[in-house]
Amino acid sequence: MKIFNIVFVVLFVIFAALQYNDPDPYIWVPIYLYSAWFCFKASQKKFYPVWYAVGIFIYLAYATYKIFDANGLIDWFTKHHSESLVESMKAEKPWIEETREFFGLLICVAVLGINWVYGNRLKKKA
């Protein structure tokens, strides 16, 4: 788990740094740094299940919004026929940006969820 968390600390910090040219970095930098911080703490074997749950709840709520947003996941899937999200690094089309943000939230949820489960298992063993 230590290597898993160190890898995600690095990835989330990189993701946060790449948000400098995003239209809404004030939202995305904290999202990624929140996840990075708790991965860093988990790499030190310090787990915070309540804070994982808070992050997961907020990220899932925001991801749900991204599904139904005018340029969100449903729009990308139905109107734009699942157009490639990785064709270009610059998201010139709003549905590509919104869909990438949706998947970024899912990555954060998955990593926080894994740490939540692992932290709870360690707690039960102790």
Protein backbone atom coordinates (compact mmCIF):
# COMPACT_ATOMS: atom_id res chain seq x y z
CA MET A 1 0.00 0.00 0.00
CA LYS A 2 2.90 2.35 0.61
CA ILE A 3 3.98 2.25 -3.05
CA PHE A 4 0.36 2.61 -4.21
CA ASN A 5 -0.06 5.75 -2.12
CA ILE A 6 3.29 7.26 -3.08
CA VAL A 7 2.44 6.79 -6.76
CA PHE A 8 -0.88 8.54 -6.26
CA VAL A 9 0.68 11.36 -4.24
CA VAL A 10 2.93 12.07 -7.21
CA LEU A 11 0.09 11.71 -9.73
CA PHE A 12 -2.33 13.93 -7.80
CA VAL A 13 0.30 16.64 -7.34
CA ILE A 14 1.00 16.52 -11.08
CA PHE A 15 -2.74 16.66 -11.80
CA ALA A 16 -3.04 19.69 -9.51
CA ALA A 17 -0.09 21.41 -11.18
CA LEU A 18 -1.61 20.86 -14.62
CA GLN A 19 -4.69 22.80 -13.56
CA TYR A 20 -2.94 26.17 -13.76
CA ASN A 21 -4.37 26.81 -17.24
CA ASP A 22 -7.77 25.27 -16.49
CA PRO A 23 -10.82 27.57 -16.56
CA ASP A 24 -11.55 26.67 -12.90
CA PRO A 25 -8.26 25.86 -11.12
CA TYR A 26 -9.68 27.11 -7.80
CA ILE A 27 -11.90 23.99 -7.81
CA TRP A 28 -9.53 21.39 -9.23
CA VAL A 29 -6.29 22.19 -7.45
CA PRO A 30 -7.89 21.64 -4.01
CA ILE A 31 -9.65 18.47 -5.22
CA TYR A 32 -6.39 16.88 -6.32
CA LEU A 33 -4.34 18.19 -3.39
CA TYR A 34 -6.93 16.84 -0.93
CA SER A 35 -6.51 13.40 -2.45
CA ALA A 36 -2.71 13.78 -2.55
CA TRP A 37 -2.57 14.77 1.12
CA PHE A 38 -4.54 11.76 2.30
CA CYS A 39 -2.49 9.43 0.11
CA PHE A 40 0.63 10.94 1.66
CA LYS A 41 -0.74 10.33 5.16
CA ALA A 42 -1.76 6.77 4.20
CA SER A 43 1.79 6.13 2.95
CA GLN A 44 2.83 6.90 6.55
CA LYS A 45 0.20 4.40 7.79
CA LYS A 46 -2.05 7.17 9.10
CA PHE A 47 -5.63 6.68 7.97
CA TYR A 48 -8.56 9.08 8.33
CA PRO A 49 -11.76 7.21 7.42
CA VAL A 50 -14.07 10.12 8.23
CA TRP A 51 -12.14 12.45 5.93
CA TYR A 52 -12.10 9.80 3.20
CA ALA A 53 -15.89 9.57 3.50
CA VAL A 54 -16.23 13.37 3.31
CA GLY A 55 -14.09 13.51 0.17
CA ILE A 56 -15.86 10.56 -1.42
CA PHE A 57 -19.28 12.08 -0.71
CA ILE A 58 -18.33 15.48 -2.15
CA TYR A 59 -16.59 13.99 -5.18
CA LEU A 60 -19.50 11.66 -5.94
CA ALA A 61 -21.96 14.54 -5.65
CA TYR A 62 -19.86 16.63 -8.03
CA ALA A 63 -19.44 13.66 -10.40
CA THR A 64 -23.22 13.21 -10.45
CA TYR A 65 -23.54 16.86 -11.44
CA LYS A 66 -20.96 16.26 -14.21
CA ILE A 67 -23.06 13.39 -15.56
CA PHE A 68 -26.14 15.57 -16.10
CA ASP A 69 -24.43 18.88 -16.89
CA ALA A 70 -25.30 20.41 -20.29
CA ASN A 71 -21.85 19.45 -21.59
CA GLY A 72 -21.36 16.51 -19.29
CA LEU A 73 -20.99 12.77 -19.58
CA ILE A 74 -24.43 12.08 -21.06
CA ASP A 75 -23.94 14.82 -23.65
CA TRP A 76 -20.51 13.45 -24.60
CA PHE A 77 -21.88 9.93 -24.88
CA THR A 78 -25.11 10.64 -26.77
CA LYS A 79 -24.57 13.76 -28.86
CA HIS A 80 -20.86 13.39 -29.55
CA HIS A 81 -20.72 9.59 -29.85
CA SER A 82 -18.04 9.10 -27.19
CA GLU A 83 -15.50 11.21 -29.06
CA SER A 84 -11.90 10.58 -28.00
CA LEU A 85 -10.96 12.31 -24.76
CA VAL A 86 -7.22 11.92 -25.26
CA GLU A 87 -6.83 12.99 -28.85
CA SER A 88 -5.37 16.32 -27.78
CA MET A 89 -4.19 17.62 -24.42
CA LYS A 90 -6.09 20.86 -25.01
CA ALA A 91 -9.79 20.36 -24.43
CA GLU A 92 -11.22 22.70 -27.05
CA LYS A 93 -14.72 21.26 -26.74
CA PRO A 94 -16.60 21.74 -23.45
CA TRP A 95 -17.96 18.18 -23.35
CA ILE A 96 -14.41 16.82 -23.44
CA GLU A 97 -13.37 19.02 -20.49
CA GLU A 98 -16.44 18.08 -18.46
CA THR A 99 -16.05 14.36 -19.17
CA ARG A 100 -12.36 14.41 -18.25
CA GLU A 101 -13.29 16.14 -15.00
CA PHE A 102 -15.86 13.42 -14.32
CA PHE A 103 -13.25 10.69 -14.73
CA GLY A 104 -10.77 12.65 -12.58
CA LEU A 105 -13.34 12.65 -9.80
CA LEU A 106 -13.83 8.90 -10.19
CA ILE A 107 -10.08 8.35 -9.84
CA CYS A 108 -10.09 10.37 -6.61
CA VAL A 109 -13.11 8.42 -5.30
CA ALA A 110 -11.49 5.09 -6.14
CA VAL A 111 -8.19 5.93 -4.43
CA LEU A 112 -9.84 7.39 -1.32
CA GLY A 113 -12.16 4.36 -1.23
CA ILE A 114 -9.26 1.92 -1.40
CA ASN A 115 -7.53 3.72 1.46
CA TRP A 116 -10.76 3.80 3.44
CA VAL A 117 -11.23 0.03 3.12
CA TYR A 118 -7.56 -0.71 3.83
CA GLY A 119 -7.47 1.65 6.83
CA ASN A 120 -10.60 0.04 8.28
CA ARG A 121 -9.10 -3.45 7.87
CA LEU A 122 -5.94 -2.40 9.70
CA LYS A 123 -8.03 -0.85 12.46
CA LYS A 124 -10.00 -4.10 12.91
CA LYS A 125 -6.80 -6.16 13.11
CA ALA A 126 -5.39 -3.93 15.86
